Amino acid sequence: MKIKQFEDKSLSHYSYAILSECENKVILIDPARNIREYLEFAARHEATVVGVIETHPHADFVSGHLELYETTGAKIYCSKWLGAAYPHQFFDEGDVLTFGKIKLKAINTPGHSPDSISII
């Protein structure tokens, strides 16, 4: 497993790529609008972006989740409390995403927004 943090200093925003090295698959967490760096990360590792997790709605920036979905076919995961009107799969308390040897578990953590999730 490899985890890469991406920083957008102008927005004080962090996003993450989690790479399953045994399957060459990537899941992204809270991607920024410009998806180029995520696609380059995947290409450098000869990997495919298979999922995007939105931990909460981002009123302070535009997410690249839809472009990633359209470009790569990656599934979008978010809380059922978000009320998303785009193609997605619910990812809430107790749900687990497994890819390669990696398991990501959702925990509902309302606070920043009522539909926030954390991932362990």
C-alpha atoms as a PDB file:
ATOM      1  CA  MET A   1       0.000   0.000   0.000  1.00  0.00           C
ATOM      2  CA  LYS A   2       1.142   3.492  -0.806  1.00  0.00           C
ATOM      3  CA  ILE A   3      -0.583   6.700   0.315  1.00  0.00           C
ATOM      4  CA  LYS A   4       0.095   9.988  -1.443  1.00  0.00           C
ATOM      5  CA  GLN A   5      -1.071  13.330  -0.057  1.00  0.00           C
ATOM      6  CA  PHE A   6      -1.793  16.141  -2.517  1.00  0.00           C
ATOM      7  CA  GLU A   7      -1.882  19.736  -1.293  1.00  0.00           C
ATOM      8  CA  ASP A   8      -3.538  22.761  -2.860  1.00  0.00           C
ATOM      9  CA  LYS A   9      -1.984  25.585  -0.846  1.00  0.00           C
ATOM     10  CA  SER A  10      -4.235  28.261  -2.315  1.00  0.00           C
ATOM     11  CA  LEU A  11      -7.301  26.478  -0.910  1.00  0.00           C
ATOM     12  CA  SER A  12      -5.666  24.866   2.140  1.00  0.00           C
ATOM     13  CA  HIS A  13      -7.033  21.622   0.727  1.00  0.00           C
ATOM     14  CA  TYR A  14      -5.616  18.124   0.994  1.00  0.00           C
ATOM     15  CA  SER A  15      -6.616  15.084  -1.012  1.00  0.00           C
ATOM     16  CA  TYR A  16      -5.241  11.567  -0.995  1.00  0.00           C
ATOM     17  CA  ALA A  17      -4.510   8.659  -3.290  1.00  0.00           C
ATOM     18  CA  ILE A  18      -4.393   5.171  -1.832  1.00  0.00           C
ATOM     19  CA  LEU A  19      -2.608   2.701  -4.076  1.00  0.00           C
ATOM     20  CA  SER A  20      -3.019  -1.044  -3.832  1.00  0.00           C
ATOM     21  CA  GLU A  21       0.332  -2.135  -5.202  1.00  0.00           C
ATOM     22  CA  CYS A  22      -0.696  -5.783  -5.524  1.00  0.00           C
ATOM     23  CA  GLU A  23      -3.620  -4.914  -7.836  1.00  0.00           C
ATOM     24  CA  ASN A  24      -2.421  -1.580  -9.264  1.00  0.00           C
ATOM     25  CA  LYS A  25      -5.648   0.143  -8.256  1.00  0.00           C
ATOM     26  CA  VAL A  26      -6.128   3.591  -6.759  1.00  0.00           C
ATOM     27  CA  ILE A  27      -8.892   5.084  -4.647  1.00  0.00           C
ATOM     28  CA  LEU A  28      -8.899   8.866  -4.277  1.00  0.00           C
ATOM     29  CA  ILE A  29     -10.226  10.792  -1.298  1.00  0.00           C
ATOM     30  CA  ASP A  30     -11.637  14.314  -1.725  1.00  0.00           C
ATOM     31  CA  PRO A  31     -10.043  15.077  -5.108  1.00  0.00           C
ATOM     32  CA  ALA A  32      -9.599  18.672  -6.230  1.00  0.00           C
ATOM     33  CA  ARG A  33     -11.059  19.962  -9.505  1.00  0.00           C
ATOM     34  CA  ASN A  34      -7.876  19.523 -11.541  1.00  0.00           C
ATOM     35  CA  ILE A  35      -7.582  15.748 -11.892  1.00  0.00           C
ATOM     36  CA  ARG A  36      -4.319  15.765 -13.865  1.00  0.00           C
ATOM     37  CA  GLU A  37      -2.068  15.032 -10.871  1.00  0.00           C
ATOM     38  CA  TYR A  38      -4.208  12.055  -9.829  1.00  0.00           C
ATOM     39  CA  LEU A  39      -4.121  10.573 -13.317  1.00  0.00           C
ATOM     40  CA  GLU A  40      -0.353  11.142 -13.468  1.00  0.00           C
ATOM     41  CA  PHE A  41       0.086   9.407 -10.097  1.00  0.00           C
ATOM     42  CA  ALA A  42      -1.905   6.414 -11.341  1.00  0.00           C
ATOM     43  CA  ALA A  43       0.041   6.318 -14.620  1.00  0.00           C
ATOM     44  CA  ARG A  44       3.407   6.446 -12.801  1.00  0.00           C
ATOM     45  CA  HIS A  45       2.341   3.354 -10.879  1.00  0.00           C
ATOM     46  CA  GLU A  46       0.722   1.664 -13.885  1.00  0.00           C
ATOM     47  CA  ALA A  47      -2.504   1.724 -11.896  1.00  0.00           C
ATOM     48  CA  THR A  48      -6.165   2.407 -12.553  1.00  0.00           C
ATOM     49  CA  VAL A  49      -8.332   4.829 -10.580  1.00  0.00           C
ATOM     50  CA  VAL A  50     -11.244   2.657  -9.445  1.00  0.00           C
ATOM     51  CA  GLY A  51     -12.914   4.799  -6.806  1.00  0.00           C
ATOM     52  CA  VAL A  52     -13.426   8.295  -5.451  1.00  0.00           C
ATOM     53  CA  ILE A  53     -14.573   8.936  -1.892  1.00  0.00           C
ATOM     54  CA  GLU A  54     -16.164  12.258  -0.989  1.00  0.00           C
ATOM     55  CA  THR A  55     -15.985  12.691   2.793  1.00  0.00           C
ATOM     56  CA  HIS A  56     -18.429  15.629   2.778  1.00  0.00           C
ATOM     57  CA  PRO A  57     -19.801  18.249   0.382  1.00  0.00           C
ATOM     58  CA  HIS A  58     -17.152  20.821  -0.423  1.00  0.00           C
ATOM     59  CA  ALA A  59     -18.595  24.316  -0.461  1.00  0.00           C
ATOM     60  CA  ASP A  60     -15.115  25.842  -0.552  1.00  0.00           C
ATOM     61  CA  PHE A  61     -13.902  24.245  -3.799  1.00  0.00           C
ATOM     62  CA  VAL A  62     -15.103  22.225  -6.789  1.00  0.00           C
ATOM     63  CA  SER A  63     -14.337  18.515  -6.655  1.00  0.00           C
ATOM     64  CA  GLY A  64     -13.038  16.504  -9.600  1.00  0.00           C
ATOM     65  CA  HIS A  65     -15.144  13.458  -8.717  1.00  0.00           C
ATOM     66  CA  LEU A  66     -17.468  13.696 -11.725  1.00  0.00           C
ATOM     67  CA  GLU A  67     -14.651  14.206 -14.210  1.00  0.00           C
ATOM     68  CA  LEU A  68     -12.839  11.222 -12.703  1.00  0.00           C
ATOM     69  CA  TYR A  69     -16.030   9.170 -13.037  1.00  0.00           C
ATOM     70  CA  GLU A  70     -16.424  10.242 -16.672  1.00  0.00           C
ATOM     71  CA  THR A  71     -12.723   9.793 -17.523  1.00  0.00           C
ATOM     72  CA  THR A  72     -11.893   6.575 -15.688  1.00  0.00           C
ATOM     73  CA  GLY A  73     -15.225   4.976 -14.807  1.00  0.00           C
ATOM     74  CA  ALA A  74     -14.274   5.158 -11.119  1.00  0.00           C
ATOM     75  CA  LYS A  75     -17.155   4.656  -8.706  1.00  0.00           C
ATOM     76  CA  ILE A  76     -18.058   7.606  -6.509  1.00  0.00           C
ATOM     77  CA  TYR A  77     -18.672   6.858  -2.831  1.00  0.00           C
ATOM     78  CA  CYS A  78     -20.384   9.239  -0.402  1.00  0.00           C
ATOM     79  CA  SER A  79     -22.743   9.257   2.556  1.00  0.00           C
ATOM     80  CA  LYS A  80     -26.427   8.613   1.980  1.00  0.00           C
ATOM     81  CA  TRP A  81     -27.013  11.814   3.948  1.00  0.00           C
ATOM     82  CA  LEU A  82     -25.393  13.861   1.175  1.00  0.00           C
ATOM     83  CA  GLY A  83     -28.389  13.492  -1.142  1.00  0.00           C
ATOM     84  CA  ALA A  84     -26.139  13.344  -4.204  1.00  0.00           C
ATOM     85  CA  ALA A  85     -27.821  13.690  -7.599  1.00  0.00           C
ATOM     86  CA  TYR A  86     -24.938  12.103  -9.535  1.00  0.00           C
ATOM     87  CA  PRO A  87     -24.059   8.404  -9.954  1.00  0.00           C
ATOM     88  CA  HIS A  88     -22.725   7.147  -6.634  1.00  0.00           C
ATOM     89  CA  GLN A  89     -22.705   4.357  -4.112  1.00  0.00           C
ATOM     90  CA  PHE A  90     -23.435   4.915  -0.433  1.00  0.00           C
ATOM     91  CA  PHE A  91     -20.477   4.680   1.942  1.00  0.00           C
ATOM     92  CA  ASP A  92     -21.620   5.018   5.545  1.00  0.00           C
ATOM     93  CA  GLU A  93     -21.088   3.708   9.064  1.00  0.00           C
ATOM     94  CA  GLY A  94     -19.787   0.142   8.916  1.00  0.00           C
ATOM     95  CA  ASP A  95     -19.436  -0.035   5.126  1.00  0.00           C
ATOM     96  CA  VAL A  96     -16.113  -1.419   3.920  1.00  0.00           C
ATOM     97  CA  LEU A  97     -14.369  -0.961   0.571  1.00  0.00           C
ATOM     98  CA  THR A  98     -11.854  -3.671  -0.221  1.00  0.00           C
ATOM     99  CA  PHE A  99      -9.318  -3.455  -3.010  1.00  0.00           C
ATOM    100  CA  GLY A 100      -6.216  -5.584  -3.064  1.00  0.00           C
ATOM    101  CA  LYS A 101      -5.172  -6.165   0.552  1.00  0.00           C
ATOM    102  CA  ILE A 102      -6.627  -2.817   1.646  1.00  0.00           C
ATOM    103  CA  LYS A 103      -9.865  -2.362   3.568  1.00  0.00           C
ATOM    104  CA  LEU A 104     -11.317   1.123   4.023  1.00  0.00           C
ATOM    105  CA  LYS A 105     -14.099   1.441   6.589  1.00  0.00           C
ATOM    106  CA  ALA A 106     -16.533   4.360   6.791  1.00  0.00           C
ATOM    107  CA  ILE A 107     -17.517   6.022  10.036  1.00  0.00           C
ATOM    108  CA  ASN A 108     -20.237   8.678  10.066  1.00  0.00           C
ATOM    109  CA  THR A 109     -18.742  11.739  11.764  1.00  0.00           C
ATOM    110  CA  PRO A 110     -21.221  14.605  11.503  1.00  0.00           C
ATOM    111  CA  GLY A 111     -19.823  17.918  12.605  1.00  0.00           C
ATOM    112  CA  HIS A 112     -18.148  19.786   9.759  1.00  0.00           C
ATOM    113  CA  SER A 113     -21.323  18.902   7.893  1.00  0.00           C
ATOM    114  CA  PRO A 114     -24.168  16.555   8.891  1.00  0.00           C
ATOM    115  CA  ASP A 115     -23.151  14.088   6.171  1.00  0.00           C
ATOM    116  CA  SER A 116     -19.413  13.919   6.924  1.00  0.00           C
ATOM    117  CA  ILE A 117     -17.636  10.580   6.992  1.00  0.00           C
ATOM    118  CA  SER A 118     -14.201   9.542   8.183  1.00  0.00           C
ATOM    119  CA  ILE A 119     -12.264   6.608   6.818  1.00  0.00           C
ATOM    120  CA  ILE A 120     -10.152   4.106   8.706  1.00  0.00           C
END
